[in-house]
Structure formats: C-alpha cells, structure tokens
Amino acid sequence: MFQYLLSFLLLVFSLQPLFAASPLPPDSVETGVNKKRLLVLGTGFGVGYAGMLYTLHHAWYKEQDRTSFHFFNDNHEWKQMDKAGHFWSAFHQSRAGIDLMRWAGLPDKKAIVYGGLVGVVLQTPIEIFDGFQSEYGASVGDLVANTVGSAAVVAQELAWREIRIMPKYSFHTTRYAAIRPNLLGSSLAEQALKDYNGQTYWLSVDVGAFLARERRYPRWLNLAVGYGAEEMVYNHVPTNRALGLHAYRQFYLSPDLNLLHFKGRNKLLNTALYVLSIVKIPAPALEFRSRGGIRFHPVYF
C-alpha cells in the first residue's frame, strides 16, 4: 500500500494549482485553453510523476530480488478488498485529472478523455515494478481494477457531465492488526492503508440526480452501499483457520452526505469539500454478512 500512497500524494500535489488561482464563477464555462494554467499543471504533474517513480524504485523496489517480468494471480486474496482499493484510487485520480484539465481550459470532451487517463497512468508503473519482483508479479486483476476505476468516472462524465455515483472509503481499527502488525500495520496510519479488515469501500449514489425536480428530494442526502470483509490475517486459508478465523464478506446500506452540494464561492472550502468527498461520513448502517446474519450499527465508519 506504500506504493499507492505515493501515487495518491501525487494527485494531491497536482491539486495545488487550484489553491493558487481565482476560482471560476459557478456554472461558468472556460472560453479557451489557459496556457499558463496548462504549463503549471503539466510541470507540476511531470515533476511529481518523475519523483514518484524515483521514490518507488529506491524506497520500495531497489533492495528486493528481481527476476524477468511476469504476472501473478492474486485475484483470490483478501476477498478482493485490494481490488476495491485499486478501483477507488484510480477513480479519484482520474476524477481529479478531468477537473484539472477543465481548470486549464481544455474543451470538455478532451478534458474528460485526457484527464480520465490519469488513474491508469499513475497506477500502471506500480504493476510494472511489481512484475520484476521475484516474490510476486504484475497483477492482471489490479490492472483491470485500475482501468475500470478510471473508466467509471469517464463514463459518468460523458453520460451526465457530473458524478452521480461516488466511490468512497471508510476505516475503523480492528483487533486483527495486533495479531500480525508487520503485515496489517502497527500504527493507525499503517492500519488505515494495510488492514483490509477495517476498510469499507462504498458507492454513494446521488439519488436526487436521478429523480425529477418536482420530487424535491434533498440533493445533500445520498444513499450508499458498501463492501468489506473481516477475519483476514493470512491469505493461506488453513493458517487463518488455525487461529479460529473464517474470512467472510460484509455488505452495507447507509445514508450519506453529498458534500459537493455545499460548494459555494469560497475556494478553500470548495477544495476541502472536494478532497473530503472521497470519504464516507459516519452514519447509521445495516450490515449483511455472507455467512449469515444482519447487524445494525448506530454509527458506522
């Protein structure tokens, strides 16, 4: 997960021009390419991208045993929670890419197409590096999840010119990290990245966007469906069961806030809402377990 954190930091770095520029009035349309903004954006992304590749190589891959490029099938691992993480990361990287292209004044379709590639561009080098590692390899499942994540934001932008179904993330600590802290994390920050037992990935639906205005549905209120899994300490099933653990899937239904509904003319507030919109707000939730049973959470995160 260290690799994906670096790529996500590049996304945040690329967002910095949004703080420095005067925001466009609501519903305004750029009349042409802003060459200054495009130069700032291209330079920032290029420097950040090169820095990411250099840091990945020296901090993560340089000391590991290398072999010829090969693929590794990890689709059965972690109840596919890692694939959900890839989808979420690529979606929001491409989403930011599209909005930054619009900020630079590119025509809308070009902004969607070029910006929509950002998630794949950021994630693919990680798989290439992985492909040369002896202990694992490039994952076709990861590549597919990255591509689907980027395609999901492009499809929504082309169809609706807005995001109506927003992938989100939430996390809570679990008892499993203490069993295997070297893999699941010893600090809170590490656990948020590594402990799939505490992660939940959501699709938050802007219900009001699909209804006629006459319905007067509150546009700030979304409905979210979530996916998680628990009792995962080892990928090796017999080893996991020797600890008395039986991995299972979890499905959730919960209300959510559409934070983008509260955007205004304050650029700092708008950027904060934009960044926070990737996270699911704590709220009541119904949990449905694959091994049977339903549980109500007064507040779930």
C-alpha atoms as a PDB file:
ATOM      1  CA  MET A   1       0.000   0.000   0.000  1.00  0.00           C
ATOM      2  CA  PHE A   2       3.018   2.305   0.311  1.00  0.00           C
ATOM      3  CA  GLN A   3       3.123   2.454  -3.495  1.00  0.00           C
ATOM      4  CA  TYR A   4      -0.482   3.565  -3.781  1.00  0.00           C
ATOM      5  CA  LEU A   5       0.001   6.202  -1.099  1.00  0.00           C
ATOM      6  CA  LEU A   6       2.781   7.755  -3.164  1.00  0.00           C
ATOM      7  CA  SER A   7       0.639   7.865  -6.281  1.00  0.00           C
ATOM      8  CA  PHE A   8      -2.208   9.397  -4.299  1.00  0.00           C
ATOM      9  CA  LEU A   9       0.139  12.057  -2.901  1.00  0.00           C
ATOM     10  CA  LEU A  10       0.950  12.981  -6.489  1.00  0.00           C
ATOM     11  CA  LEU A  11      -2.749  13.574  -7.045  1.00  0.00           C
ATOM     12  CA  VAL A  12      -2.840  15.927  -4.040  1.00  0.00           C
ATOM     13  CA  PHE A  13       0.303  17.671  -5.300  1.00  0.00           C
ATOM     14  CA  SER A  14      -1.319  18.220  -8.680  1.00  0.00           C
ATOM     15  CA  LEU A  15      -4.338  19.788  -6.987  1.00  0.00           C
ATOM     16  CA  GLN A  16      -2.234  22.630  -5.570  1.00  0.00           C
ATOM     17  CA  PRO A  17      -2.845  24.954  -8.564  1.00  0.00           C
ATOM     18  CA  LEU A  18      -6.499  25.056  -7.524  1.00  0.00           C
ATOM     19  CA  PHE A  19      -5.499  26.902  -4.348  1.00  0.00           C
ATOM     20  CA  ALA A  20      -3.428  29.486  -6.193  1.00  0.00           C
ATOM     21  CA  ALA A  21      -5.875  30.509  -8.894  1.00  0.00           C
ATOM     22  CA  SER A  22      -9.030  32.558  -8.744  1.00  0.00           C
ATOM     23  CA  PRO A  23     -11.975  30.187  -8.918  1.00  0.00           C
ATOM     24  CA  LEU A  24     -14.400  30.327 -11.807  1.00  0.00           C
ATOM     25  CA  PRO A  25     -17.883  31.589 -11.025  1.00  0.00           C
ATOM     26  CA  PRO A  26     -20.414  28.778 -10.526  1.00  0.00           C
ATOM     27  CA  ASP A  27     -21.658  27.272 -13.797  1.00  0.00           C
ATOM     28  CA  SER A  28     -19.193  29.329 -15.836  1.00  0.00           C
ATOM     29  CA  VAL A  29     -17.530  27.901 -18.929  1.00  0.00           C
ATOM     30  CA  GLU A  30     -13.919  28.360 -19.987  1.00  0.00           C
ATOM     31  CA  THR A  31     -13.689  30.056 -23.394  1.00  0.00           C
ATOM     32  CA  GLY A  32     -10.289  28.667 -24.322  1.00  0.00           C
ATOM     33  CA  VAL A  33      -7.142  26.926 -23.163  1.00  0.00           C
ATOM     34  CA  ASN A  34      -5.347  28.836 -20.430  1.00  0.00           C
ATOM     35  CA  LYS A  35      -1.731  28.276 -21.429  1.00  0.00           C
ATOM     36  CA  LYS A  36      -0.350  29.497 -18.112  1.00  0.00           C
ATOM     37  CA  ARG A  37      -2.505  27.081 -16.140  1.00  0.00           C
ATOM     38  CA  LEU A  38      -1.719  24.261 -18.545  1.00  0.00           C
ATOM     39  CA  LEU A  39       2.010  24.927 -18.127  1.00  0.00           C
ATOM     40  CA  VAL A  40       1.702  24.955 -14.327  1.00  0.00           C
ATOM     41  CA  LEU A  41      -0.327  21.756 -14.424  1.00  0.00           C
ATOM     42  CA  GLY A  42       1.985  19.961 -16.854  1.00  0.00           C
ATOM     43  CA  THR A  43       5.132  20.977 -14.983  1.00  0.00           C
ATOM     44  CA  GLY A  44       3.723  20.008 -11.603  1.00  0.00           C
ATOM     45  CA  PHE A  45       2.488  16.659 -12.851  1.00  0.00           C
ATOM     46  CA  GLY A  46       5.709  15.889 -14.727  1.00  0.00           C
ATOM     47  CA  VAL A  47       7.950  16.680 -11.761  1.00  0.00           C
ATOM     48  CA  GLY A  48       5.668  14.817  -9.362  1.00  0.00           C
ATOM     49  CA  TYR A  49       5.423  11.795 -11.650  1.00  0.00           C
ATOM     50  CA  ALA A  50       9.195  11.554 -12.078  1.00  0.00           C
ATOM     51  CA  GLY A  51       9.629  11.946  -8.328  1.00  0.00           C
ATOM     52  CA  MET A  52       7.099   9.203  -7.665  1.00  0.00           C
ATOM     53  CA  LEU A  53       8.890   6.754  -9.977  1.00  0.00           C
ATOM     54  CA  TYR A  54      12.278   7.575  -8.458  1.00  0.00           C
ATOM     55  CA  THR A  55      10.998   7.241  -4.890  1.00  0.00           C
ATOM     56  CA  LEU A  56       9.171   4.000  -5.647  1.00  0.00           C
ATOM     57  CA  HIS A  57      12.291   2.455  -7.124  1.00  0.00           C
ATOM     58  CA  HIS A  58      14.693   3.499  -4.373  1.00  0.00           C
ATOM     59  CA  ALA A  59      12.433   3.234  -1.327  1.00  0.00           C
ATOM     60  CA  TRP A  60      10.482   0.104  -2.177  1.00  0.00           C
ATOM     61  CA  TYR A  61      11.900  -1.971  -5.035  1.00  0.00           C
ATOM     62  CA  LYS A  62      15.662  -1.387  -5.178  1.00  0.00           C
ATOM     63  CA  GLU A  63      16.609  -3.826  -2.404  1.00  0.00           C
ATOM     64  CA  GLN A  64      14.210  -6.582  -3.480  1.00  0.00           C
ATOM     65  CA  ASP A  65      15.230  -9.589  -5.548  1.00  0.00           C
ATOM     66  CA  ARG A  66      14.454  -9.079  -9.221  1.00  0.00           C
ATOM     67  CA  THR A  67      13.591 -11.504 -11.980  1.00  0.00           C
ATOM     68  CA  SER A  68      12.245 -11.372 -15.523  1.00  0.00           C
ATOM     69  CA  PHE A  69       8.875  -9.690 -15.973  1.00  0.00           C
ATOM     70  CA  HIS A  70       5.974 -11.990 -15.106  1.00  0.00           C
ATOM     71  CA  PHE A  71       2.364 -11.934 -13.961  1.00  0.00           C
ATOM     72  CA  PHE A  72       0.985 -13.113 -10.631  1.00  0.00           C
ATOM     73  CA  ASN A  73      -2.617 -14.141  -9.975  1.00  0.00           C
ATOM     74  CA  ASP A  74      -3.742 -12.660  -6.660  1.00  0.00           C
ATOM     75  CA  ASN A  75      -7.435 -12.392  -7.511  1.00  0.00           C
ATOM     76  CA  HIS A  76      -8.401 -14.858  -4.773  1.00  0.00           C
ATOM     77  CA  GLU A  77      -6.683 -12.923  -1.983  1.00  0.00           C
ATOM     78  CA  TRP A  78      -8.201 -10.663   0.702  1.00  0.00           C
ATOM     79  CA  LYS A  79     -11.750 -11.204  -0.561  1.00  0.00           C
ATOM     80  CA  GLN A  80     -10.881  -8.760  -3.381  1.00  0.00           C
ATOM     81  CA  MET A  81     -10.652  -5.832  -0.965  1.00  0.00           C
ATOM     82  CA  ASP A  82      -7.374  -4.784  -2.583  1.00  0.00           C
ATOM     83  CA  LYS A  83      -9.132  -4.627  -5.955  1.00  0.00           C
ATOM     84  CA  ALA A  84     -11.779  -2.345  -4.460  1.00  0.00           C
ATOM     85  CA  GLY A  85      -8.942  -0.119  -3.276  1.00  0.00           C
ATOM     86  CA  HIS A  86      -7.446  -0.002  -6.763  1.00  0.00           C
ATOM     87  CA  PHE A  87     -10.836   0.955  -8.221  1.00  0.00           C
ATOM     88  CA  TRP A  88     -11.301   3.714  -5.635  1.00  0.00           C
ATOM     89  CA  SER A  89      -7.797   5.149  -6.136  1.00  0.00           C
ATOM     90  CA  ALA A  90      -7.911   5.157  -9.939  1.00  0.00           C
ATOM     91  CA  PHE A  91     -11.407   6.670  -9.958  1.00  0.00           C
ATOM     92  CA  HIS A  92     -10.422   9.669  -7.858  1.00  0.00           C
ATOM     93  CA  GLN A  93      -7.108  10.178  -9.607  1.00  0.00           C
ATOM     94  CA  SER A  94      -8.926  10.304 -12.944  1.00  0.00           C
ATOM     95  CA  ARG A  95     -11.652  12.479 -11.453  1.00  0.00           C
ATOM     96  CA  ALA A  96      -9.022  14.993 -10.313  1.00  0.00           C
ATOM     97  CA  GLY A  97      -7.318  14.740 -13.705  1.00  0.00           C
ATOM     98  CA  ILE A  98     -10.532  15.654 -15.515  1.00  0.00           C
ATOM     99  CA  ASP A  99     -11.251  18.612 -13.246  1.00  0.00           C
ATOM    100  CA  LEU A 100      -7.684  19.887 -13.572  1.00  0.00           C
ATOM    101  CA  MET A 101      -7.913  19.679 -17.370  1.00  0.00           C
ATOM    102  CA  ARG A 102     -11.120  21.697 -17.203  1.00  0.00           C
ATOM    103  CA  TRP A 103      -9.384  24.178 -14.897  1.00  0.00           C
ATOM    104  CA  ALA A 104      -6.736  24.578 -17.606  1.00  0.00           C
ATOM    105  CA  GLY A 105      -9.485  25.386 -20.123  1.00  0.00           C
ATOM    106  CA  LEU A 106      -9.422  22.273 -22.318  1.00  0.00           C
ATOM    107  CA  PRO A 107     -12.628  21.538 -24.267  1.00  0.00           C
ATOM    108  CA  ASP A 108     -14.842  19.322 -22.157  1.00  0.00           C
ATOM    109  CA  LYS A 109     -14.517  16.095 -24.148  1.00  0.00           C
ATOM    110  CA  LYS A 110     -10.743  16.427 -24.335  1.00  0.00           C
ATOM    111  CA  ALA A 111     -10.621  17.159 -20.609  1.00  0.00           C
ATOM    112  CA  ILE A 112     -12.630  14.009 -19.913  1.00  0.00           C
ATOM    113  CA  VAL A 113     -10.555  11.780 -22.206  1.00  0.00           C
ATOM    114  CA  TYR A 114      -7.105  13.075 -21.255  1.00  0.00           C
ATOM    115  CA  GLY A 115      -7.883  13.588 -17.587  1.00  0.00           C
ATOM    116  CA  GLY A 116      -9.592  10.215 -17.416  1.00  0.00           C
ATOM    117  CA  LEU A 117      -6.287   8.515 -18.202  1.00  0.00           C
ATOM    118  CA  VAL A 118      -4.589   9.878 -15.079  1.00  0.00           C
ATOM    119  CA  GLY A 119      -5.617   6.982 -12.822  1.00  0.00           C
ATOM    120  CA  VAL A 120      -4.221   4.385 -15.210  1.00  0.00           C
ATOM    121  CA  VAL A 121      -1.069   6.438 -15.832  1.00  0.00           C
ATOM    122  CA  LEU A 122      -0.369   6.713 -12.100  1.00  0.00           C
ATOM    123  CA  GLN A 123      -1.141   3.099 -11.200  1.00  0.00           C
ATOM    124  CA  THR A 124       0.398   1.204 -14.129  1.00  0.00           C
ATOM    125  CA  PRO A 125       4.085   1.828 -13.196  1.00  0.00           C
ATOM    126  CA  ILE A 126       3.429   0.135  -9.857  1.00  0.00           C
ATOM    127  CA  GLU A 127       2.328  -3.020 -11.660  1.00  0.00           C
ATOM    128  CA  ILE A 128       5.336  -2.841 -13.978  1.00  0.00           C
ATOM    129  CA  PHE A 129       7.681  -2.608 -10.986  1.00  0.00           C
ATOM    130  CA  ASP A 130       5.810  -5.483  -9.325  1.00  0.00           C
ATOM    131  CA  GLY A 131       6.229  -7.576 -12.467  1.00  0.00           C
ATOM    132  CA  PHE A 132      10.000  -7.743 -11.948  1.00  0.00           C
ATOM    133  CA  GLN A 133       9.823  -8.838  -8.296  1.00  0.00           C
ATOM    134  CA  SER A 134      10.592 -12.478  -7.518  1.00  0.00           C
ATOM    135  CA  GLU A 135       8.144 -12.784  -4.592  1.00  0.00           C
ATOM    136  CA  TYR A 136       5.147 -11.596  -6.586  1.00  0.00           C
ATOM    137  CA  GLY A 137       4.475 -10.080 -10.012  1.00  0.00           C
ATOM    138  CA  ALA A 138       2.225  -7.852 -12.050  1.00  0.00           C
ATOM    139  CA  SER A 139      -1.431  -8.448 -11.272  1.00  0.00           C
ATOM    140  CA  VAL A 140      -3.936  -8.609 -14.118  1.00  0.00           C
ATOM    141  CA  GLY A 141      -6.683  -8.122 -11.544  1.00  0.00           C
ATOM    142  CA  ASP A 142      -5.062  -4.899 -10.337  1.00  0.00           C
ATOM    143  CA  LEU A 143      -4.706  -3.632 -13.907  1.00  0.00           C
ATOM    144  CA  VAL A 144      -8.363  -4.395 -14.594  1.00  0.00           C
ATOM    145  CA  ALA A 145      -9.485  -2.681 -11.377  1.00  0.00           C
ATOM    146  CA  ASN A 146      -7.414   0.399 -12.234  1.00  0.00           C
ATOM    147  CA  THR A 147      -8.869   0.556 -15.735  1.00  0.00           C
ATOM    148  CA  VAL A 148     -12.445   0.057 -14.553  1.00  0.00           C
ATOM    149  CA  GLY A 149     -11.992   2.769 -11.917  1.00  0.00           C
ATOM    150  CA  SER A 150     -10.827   5.304 -14.497  1.00  0.00           C
ATOM    151  CA  ALA A 151     -13.479   4.184 -16.980  1.00  0.00           C
ATOM    152  CA  ALA A 152     -16.216   4.624 -14.358  1.00  0.00           C
ATOM    153  CA  VAL A 153     -15.537   8.328 -13.925  1.00  0.00           C
ATOM    154  CA  VAL A 154     -15.158   8.865 -17.680  1.00  0.00           C
ATOM    155  CA  ALA A 155     -18.470   7.106 -18.355  1.00  0.00           C
ATOM    156  CA  GLN A 156     -20.322   9.250 -15.811  1.00  0.00           C
ATOM    157  CA  GLU A 157     -18.820  12.469 -17.123  1.00  0.00           C
ATOM    158  CA  LEU A 158     -19.705  11.597 -20.716  1.00  0.00           C
ATOM    159  CA  ALA A 159     -23.226  10.480 -19.812  1.00  0.00           C
ATOM    160  CA  TRP A 160     -24.215  13.079 -17.191  1.00  0.00           C
ATOM    161  CA  ARG A 161     -21.466  15.740 -17.097  1.00  0.00           C
ATOM    162  CA  GLU A 162     -21.291  15.099 -13.362  1.00  0.00           C
ATOM    163  CA  ILE A 163     -20.531  12.379 -10.822  1.00  0.00           C
ATOM    164  CA  ARG A 164     -23.715  10.762  -9.581  1.00  0.00           C
ATOM    165  CA  ILE A 165     -22.179   7.598  -8.122  1.00  0.00           C
ATOM    166  CA  MET A 166     -19.159   8.440  -5.964  1.00  0.00           C
ATOM    167  CA  PRO A 167     -16.763   5.753  -4.658  1.00  0.00           C
ATOM    168  CA  LYS A 168     -15.852   6.425  -1.031  1.00  0.00           C
ATOM    169  CA  TYR A 169     -13.651   4.958   1.693  1.00  0.00           C
ATOM    170  CA  SER A 170     -14.041   4.491   5.427  1.00  0.00           C
ATOM    171  CA  PHE A 171     -11.903   2.829   8.083  1.00  0.00           C
ATOM    172  CA  HIS A 172     -12.063   1.670  11.689  1.00  0.00           C
ATOM    173  CA  THR A 173      -9.430  -0.120  13.761  1.00  0.00           C
ATOM    174  CA  THR A 174      -9.735  -3.871  14.356  1.00  0.00           C
ATOM    175  CA  ARG A 175      -8.265  -6.468  16.695  1.00  0.00           C
ATOM    176  CA  TYR A 176      -6.623  -8.302  13.794  1.00  0.00           C
ATOM    177  CA  ALA A 177      -3.789  -5.820  13.250  1.00  0.00           C
ATOM    178  CA  ALA A 178      -2.319  -6.717  16.652  1.00  0.00           C
ATOM    179  CA  ILE A 179      -2.084 -10.370  15.579  1.00  0.00           C
ATOM    180  CA  ARG A 180       0.099  -9.586  12.571  1.00  0.00           C
ATOM    181  CA  PRO A 181       1.285  -5.956  12.808  1.00  0.00           C
ATOM    182  CA  ASN A 182       4.115  -6.413  10.298  1.00  0.00           C
ATOM    183  CA  LEU A 183       1.524  -7.014   7.565  1.00  0.00           C
ATOM    184  CA  LEU A 184      -1.605  -5.257   8.833  1.00  0.00           C
ATOM    185  CA  GLY A 185       0.154  -2.264  10.374  1.00  0.00           C
ATOM    186  CA  SER A 186       1.378  -1.216  13.803  1.00  0.00           C
ATOM    187  CA  SER A 187       0.390   2.467  13.745  1.00  0.00           C
ATOM    188  CA  LEU A 188      -3.000   3.951  12.947  1.00  0.00           C
ATOM    189  CA  ALA A 189      -1.737   5.345   9.643  1.00  0.00           C
ATOM    190  CA  GLU A 190      -0.311   1.966   8.606  1.00  0.00           C
ATOM    191  CA  GLN A 191      -3.501   0.147   9.567  1.00  0.00           C
ATOM    192  CA  ALA A 192      -5.609   2.562   7.530  1.00  0.00           C
ATOM    193  CA  LEU A 193      -3.558   1.522   4.498  1.00  0.00           C
ATOM    194  CA  LYS A 194      -2.913  -2.154   5.234  1.00  0.00           C
ATOM    195  CA  ASP A 195      -5.680  -3.621   7.397  1.00  0.00           C
ATOM    196  CA  TYR A 196      -8.410  -4.654   4.971  1.00  0.00           C
ATOM    197  CA  ASN A 197     -10.474  -5.889   7.925  1.00  0.00           C
ATOM    198  CA  GLY A 198     -11.192  -2.292   8.903  1.00  0.00           C
ATOM    199  CA  GLN A 199     -11.658  -0.841   5.438  1.00  0.00           C
ATOM    200  CA  THR A 200     -15.009  -0.386   3.732  1.00  0.00           C
ATOM    201  CA  TYR A 201     -15.458   0.777   0.142  1.00  0.00           C
ATOM    202  CA  TRP A 202     -18.691   2.487  -0.795  1.00  0.00           C
ATOM    203  CA  LEU A 203     -20.677   3.612  -3.808  1.00  0.00           C
ATOM    204  CA  SER A 204     -22.531   6.744  -2.702  1.00  0.00           C
ATOM    205  CA  VAL A 205     -25.478   7.427  -5.005  1.00  0.00           C
ATOM    206  CA  ASP A 206     -26.794  10.947  -5.594  1.00  0.00           C
ATOM    207  CA  VAL A 207     -30.425   9.815  -5.567  1.00  0.00           C
ATOM    208  CA  GLY A 208     -31.802  13.275  -6.305  1.00  0.00           C
ATOM    209  CA  ALA A 209     -29.901  13.441  -9.598  1.00  0.00           C
ATOM    210  CA  PHE A 210     -31.973  10.524 -10.905  1.00  0.00           C
ATOM    211  CA  LEU A 211     -35.327  11.994  -9.838  1.00  0.00           C
ATOM    212  CA  ALA A 212     -37.461  14.707 -11.387  1.00  0.00           C
ATOM    213  CA  ARG A 213     -37.090  18.109  -9.726  1.00  0.00           C
ATOM    214  CA  GLU A 214     -40.766  18.009  -8.827  1.00  0.00           C
ATOM    215  CA  ARG A 215     -39.936  15.305  -6.283  1.00  0.00           C
ATOM    216  CA  ARG A 216     -37.981  17.870  -4.242  1.00  0.00           C
ATOM    217  CA  TYR A 217     -35.646  15.198  -2.940  1.00  0.00           C
ATOM    218  CA  PRO A 218     -32.857  16.764  -0.801  1.00  0.00           C
ATOM    219  CA  ARG A 219     -29.761  16.757  -3.017  1.00  0.00           C
ATOM    220  CA  TRP A 220     -27.489  16.712   0.041  1.00  0.00           C
ATOM    221  CA  LEU A 221     -28.753  13.233   1.022  1.00  0.00           C
ATOM    222  CA  ASN A 222     -27.187  10.230  -0.709  1.00  0.00           C
ATOM    223  CA  LEU A 223     -27.716   6.500  -0.321  1.00  0.00           C
ATOM    224  CA  ALA A 224     -24.541   4.434  -0.034  1.00  0.00           C
ATOM    225  CA  VAL A 225     -23.898   0.728  -0.495  1.00  0.00           C
ATOM    226  CA  GLY A 226     -20.663  -0.611   0.976  1.00  0.00           C
ATOM    227  CA  TYR A 227     -18.405  -3.648   0.741  1.00  0.00           C
ATOM    228  CA  GLY A 228     -15.985  -5.017   3.311  1.00  0.00           C
ATOM    229  CA  ALA A 229     -14.534  -8.248   4.693  1.00  0.00           C
ATOM    230  CA  GLU A 230     -13.317  -9.466   8.064  1.00  0.00           C
ATOM    231  CA  GLU A 231     -11.323 -12.160   9.893  1.00  0.00           C
ATOM    232  CA  MET A 232      -8.460 -11.925   7.383  1.00  0.00           C
ATOM    233  CA  VAL A 233      -4.997 -12.261   8.900  1.00  0.00           C
ATOM    234  CA  TYR A 234      -3.456 -14.799   6.497  1.00  0.00           C
ATOM    235  CA  ASN A 235      -4.214 -15.459   2.829  1.00  0.00           C
ATOM    236  CA  HIS A 236      -3.470 -19.137   3.425  1.00  0.00           C
ATOM    237  CA  VAL A 237      -6.890 -20.466   4.466  1.00  0.00           C
ATOM    238  CA  PRO A 238      -5.674 -23.334   6.737  1.00  0.00           C
ATOM    239  CA  THR A 239      -3.318 -20.953   8.591  1.00  0.00           C
ATOM    240  CA  ASN A 240      -6.115 -18.448   9.015  1.00  0.00           C
ATOM    241  CA  ARG A 241      -8.476 -21.146  10.287  1.00  0.00           C
ATOM    242  CA  ALA A 242      -5.842 -22.404  12.739  1.00  0.00           C
ATOM    243  CA  LEU A 243      -6.323 -19.083  14.517  1.00  0.00           C
ATOM    244  CA  GLY A 244     -10.061 -19.700  14.640  1.00  0.00           C
ATOM    245  CA  LEU A 245     -10.690 -17.165  11.873  1.00  0.00           C
ATOM    246  CA  HIS A 246     -13.056 -17.709   8.943  1.00  0.00           C
ATOM    247  CA  ALA A 247     -12.940 -14.849   6.448  1.00  0.00           C
ATOM    248  CA  TYR A 248     -16.297 -13.547   5.272  1.00  0.00           C
ATOM    249  CA  ARG A 249     -17.745 -10.678   3.233  1.00  0.00           C
ATOM    250  CA  GLN A 250     -19.823  -7.774   4.502  1.00  0.00           C
ATOM    251  CA  PHE A 251     -22.340  -5.642   2.631  1.00  0.00           C
ATOM    252  CA  TYR A 252     -23.677  -2.344   3.955  1.00  0.00           C
ATOM    253  CA  LEU A 253     -26.537   0.063   3.368  1.00  0.00           C
ATOM    254  CA  SER A 254     -26.242   3.562   4.824  1.00  0.00           C
ATOM    255  CA  PRO A 255     -27.291   7.201   4.294  1.00  0.00           C
ATOM    256  CA  ASP A 256     -24.528   9.584   3.264  1.00  0.00           C
ATOM    257  CA  LEU A 257     -23.893  13.291   2.788  1.00  0.00           C
ATOM    258  CA  ASN A 258     -23.316  14.725  -0.676  1.00  0.00           C
ATOM    259  CA  LEU A 259     -20.608  17.162   0.399  1.00  0.00           C
ATOM    260  CA  LEU A 260     -20.319  18.701  -3.072  1.00  0.00           C
ATOM    261  CA  HIS A 261     -23.858  20.026  -2.654  1.00  0.00           C
ATOM    262  CA  PHE A 262     -22.478  22.540  -0.132  1.00  0.00           C
ATOM    263  CA  LYS A 263     -19.964  24.138  -2.516  1.00  0.00           C
ATOM    264  CA  GLY A 264     -20.003  27.930  -2.818  1.00  0.00           C
ATOM    265  CA  ARG A 265     -17.656  30.756  -3.790  1.00  0.00           C
ATOM    266  CA  ASN A 266     -15.013  30.135  -1.121  1.00  0.00           C
ATOM    267  CA  LYS A 267     -12.235  28.303  -2.971  1.00  0.00           C
ATOM    268  CA  LEU A 268     -10.611  26.920   0.191  1.00  0.00           C
ATOM    269  CA  LEU A 269     -13.909  25.461   1.400  1.00  0.00           C
ATOM    270  CA  ASN A 270     -14.666  24.062  -2.054  1.00  0.00           C
ATOM    271  CA  THR A 271     -11.283  22.337  -2.236  1.00  0.00           C
ATOM    272  CA  ALA A 272     -11.744  20.889   1.258  1.00  0.00           C
ATOM    273  CA  LEU A 273     -15.178  19.538   0.295  1.00  0.00           C
ATOM    274  CA  TYR A 274     -13.706  18.142  -2.931  1.00  0.00           C
ATOM    275  CA  VAL A 275     -10.992  16.229  -1.078  1.00  0.00           C
ATOM    276  CA  LEU A 276     -13.302  15.072   1.731  1.00  0.00           C
ATOM    277  CA  SER A 277     -15.838  13.778  -0.794  1.00  0.00           C
ATOM    278  CA  ILE A 278     -13.690  10.652  -1.213  1.00  0.00           C
ATOM    279  CA  VAL A 279     -14.503   9.627   2.386  1.00  0.00           C
ATOM    280  CA  LYS A 280     -17.783   8.200   3.695  1.00  0.00           C
ATOM    281  CA  ILE A 281     -19.302  10.247   6.511  1.00  0.00           C
ATOM    282  CA  PRO A 282     -20.001   8.226   9.718  1.00  0.00           C
ATOM    283  CA  ALA A 283     -23.689   7.326   9.795  1.00  0.00           C
ATOM    284  CA  PRO A 284     -26.096   4.541  10.799  1.00  0.00           C
ATOM    285  CA  ALA A 285     -25.682   1.406   8.690  1.00  0.00           C
ATOM    286  CA  LEU A 286     -27.178  -2.019   8.117  1.00  0.00           C
ATOM    287  CA  GLU A 287     -24.619  -4.818   7.721  1.00  0.00           C
ATOM    288  CA  PHE A 288     -25.399  -8.031   5.829  1.00  0.00           C
ATOM    289  CA  ARG A 289     -22.886 -10.863   6.315  1.00  0.00           C
ATOM    290  CA  SER A 290     -22.099 -13.524   3.726  1.00  0.00           C
ATOM    291  CA  ARG A 291     -22.014 -16.179   6.449  1.00  0.00           C
ATOM    292  CA  GLY A 292     -25.500 -15.131   7.543  1.00  0.00           C
ATOM    293  CA  GLY A 293     -26.900 -12.514   9.848  1.00  0.00           C
ATOM    294  CA  ILE A 294     -27.831  -8.841   9.824  1.00  0.00           C
ATOM    295  CA  ARG A 295     -26.425  -6.230  12.201  1.00  0.00           C
ATOM    296  CA  PHE A 296     -27.432  -2.619  12.795  1.00  0.00           C
ATOM    297  CA  HIS A 297     -24.697  -0.069  13.545  1.00  0.00           C
ATOM    298  CA  PRO A 298     -25.946   3.179  15.162  1.00  0.00           C
ATOM    299  CA  VAL A 299     -22.814   4.843  13.768  1.00  0.00           C
ATOM    300  CA  TYR A 300     -20.504   3.105  11.316  1.00  0.00           C
ATOM    301  CA  PHE A 301     -17.257   4.253   9.758  1.00  0.00           C
END
